[in-house]
Structure formats: C-alpha cells, structure tokens
Amino acid sequence: MNSGKTRGADPYVGFHQDKHGLTQLGRVVLDAWIFGFLPEDEDCRNWDLGRMQALMDRVDTEWDRYGNLPSRLPEALRSRHAEVYEKARAEARAKGWDPELGDDD
C-alpha cells in the first residue's frame, strides 16, 4: 500500500561523508567556503538537492566574476583557494582518491 509519500532524491551526504570530497557537490561546498557563503563547520550534510542547486548557482555566479579561473581571484581569495583545495586533495588521497581517475572510478 502506498503511504502517499513520494520519495525524492536522497539528500547530500555532506562534504566530510562524501566519497572523497572532490565530487561535483563536494567542490561546490569547498568553493562556498572559499567565497564565504558557508562557515567551514557547515558541510551541507542532509541538504536536499534543491538547496544544493541554489548554493551551486550562487557559487557559479561568483566564479563567473573571475572568469572561472583561480588565477584571476584577488590575492586573498587565491591564497584561500590554494589552502582549501590542497587540504581537500590530501584528505581525498587518504580516502583513496586518484586524480587520474574519474569521480566514478
């Protein structure tokens, strides 16, 4: 019997519970931290996909200001980007991530 509830997409697991953190949604969280849209203690755990899409749109709009290139970020943001992504890459490697493989490998 149908309970009347429809199951939507599963919520995002959160950056720290993500497969390795460098997935598409994981990168949205990293960029949101860099741009100051989220505090670093917010990893978007249990956010529904609509909320994640809204954050992604906001991040994309901000990246558009800089031609989507970290080299075009102001020095403070460029330094922050390097710091956040180096930490994320180190944590991803510890989880078995190989930059030569795709997200699904």
Protein backbone atom coordinates (compact mmCIF):
# COMPACT_ATOMS: atom_id res chain seq x y z
CA MET A 1 0.00 0.00 0.00
CA ASN A 2 1.26 3.44 -0.88
CA SER A 3 1.70 5.71 2.12
CA GLY A 4 1.08 8.77 -0.03
CA LYS A 5 4.68 9.93 0.31
CA THR A 6 6.83 10.22 -2.75
CA ARG A 7 10.49 9.63 -2.37
CA GLY A 8 12.62 12.35 -3.86
CA ALA A 9 16.33 12.30 -4.41
CA ASP A 10 18.41 11.41 -1.40
CA PRO A 11 19.90 14.38 0.42
CA TYR A 12 23.58 15.17 0.04
CA VAL A 13 25.70 13.14 2.47
CA GLY A 14 27.86 16.15 3.32
CA PHE A 15 31.39 17.04 2.33
CA HIS A 16 33.03 15.08 5.14
CA GLN A 17 30.99 11.95 4.38
CA ASP A 18 31.31 12.30 0.62
CA LYS A 19 33.08 9.52 -1.27
CA HIS A 20 36.32 11.51 -1.29
CA GLY A 21 35.16 15.12 -1.14
CA LEU A 22 36.20 16.13 -4.64
CA THR A 23 32.94 15.22 -6.29
CA GLN A 24 30.87 17.86 -8.05
CA LEU A 25 28.86 18.62 -4.92
CA GLY A 26 31.96 18.44 -2.73
CA ARG A 27 33.63 21.10 -4.86
CA VAL A 28 30.57 23.32 -4.50
CA VAL A 29 30.99 23.12 -0.73
CA LEU A 30 34.72 23.89 -0.98
CA ASP A 31 34.03 26.90 -3.19
CA ALA A 32 31.26 28.11 -0.88
CA TRP A 33 33.78 28.02 1.99
CA ILE A 34 36.32 29.94 -0.10
CA PHE A 35 33.82 32.65 -1.08
CA GLY A 36 32.49 32.89 2.47
CA PHE A 37 28.98 31.68 1.61
CA LEU A 38 29.21 28.97 4.28
CA PRO A 39 31.15 28.67 7.52
CA GLU A 40 33.64 25.80 7.39
CA ASP A 41 31.73 23.87 10.02
CA GLU A 42 28.78 23.61 7.57
CA ASP A 43 29.39 20.74 5.15
CA CYS A 44 25.83 20.62 3.75
CA ARG A 45 25.06 17.24 5.29
CA ASN A 46 21.43 16.29 4.65
CA TRP A 47 20.79 19.25 2.34
CA ASP A 48 18.22 18.41 -0.31
CA LEU A 49 19.23 18.73 -3.94
CA GLY A 50 17.21 21.93 -4.40
CA ARG A 51 19.16 23.63 -1.64
CA MET A 52 22.43 22.30 -3.09
CA GLN A 53 21.42 23.62 -6.54
CA ALA A 54 20.78 27.06 -5.08
CA LEU A 55 24.25 27.03 -3.50
CA MET A 56 25.76 25.81 -6.77
CA ASP A 57 24.09 28.67 -8.65
CA ARG A 58 25.47 31.17 -6.15
CA VAL A 59 28.98 29.70 -6.42
CA ASP A 60 28.78 29.64 -10.24
CA THR A 61 27.73 33.29 -10.30
CA GLU A 62 30.69 34.22 -8.12
CA TRP A 63 33.14 32.20 -10.25
CA ASP A 64 31.80 33.97 -13.36
CA ARG A 65 33.11 37.25 -11.90
CA TYR A 66 36.62 35.80 -12.15
CA GLY A 67 36.32 34.01 -15.48
CA ASN A 68 36.16 30.68 -13.63
CA LEU A 69 39.93 30.83 -13.08
CA PRO A 70 41.61 30.71 -9.67
CA SER A 71 44.46 32.80 -11.12
CA ARG A 72 42.02 35.71 -11.56
CA LEU A 73 40.92 35.68 -7.92
CA PRO A 74 42.08 38.56 -5.71
CA GLU A 75 45.21 37.55 -3.76
CA ALA A 76 43.36 36.77 -0.51
CA LEU A 77 40.86 34.50 -2.29
CA ARG A 78 43.56 32.92 -4.45
CA SER A 79 45.57 32.07 -1.34
CA ARG A 80 42.45 30.75 0.40
CA HIS A 81 41.60 28.65 -2.67
CA ALA A 82 45.08 27.09 -2.72
CA GLU A 83 44.90 26.33 1.01
CA VAL A 84 41.40 24.81 0.95
CA TYR A 85 41.98 22.71 -2.16
CA GLU A 86 45.40 21.42 -1.03
CA LYS A 87 43.86 20.25 2.24
CA ALA A 88 40.92 18.68 0.35
CA ARG A 89 43.26 16.90 -2.10
CA ALA A 90 45.35 15.50 0.77
CA GLU A 91 42.22 14.22 2.54
CA ALA A 92 40.87 12.77 -0.72
CA ARG A 93 44.12 10.91 -1.38
CA ALA A 94 43.93 9.48 2.16
CA LYS A 95 40.46 8.16 1.22
CA GLY A 96 41.86 6.50 -1.91
CA TRP A 97 41.15 9.21 -4.48
CA ASP A 98 43.36 9.14 -7.56
CA PRO A 99 43.33 12.36 -9.60
CA GLU A 100 43.96 10.28 -12.75
CA LEU A 101 40.60 8.52 -12.37
CA GLY A 102 37.13 9.96 -12.86
CA ASP A 103 34.70 10.56 -10.00
CA ASP A 104 33.04 7.21 -10.65
CA ASP A 105 36.28 5.16 -10.64
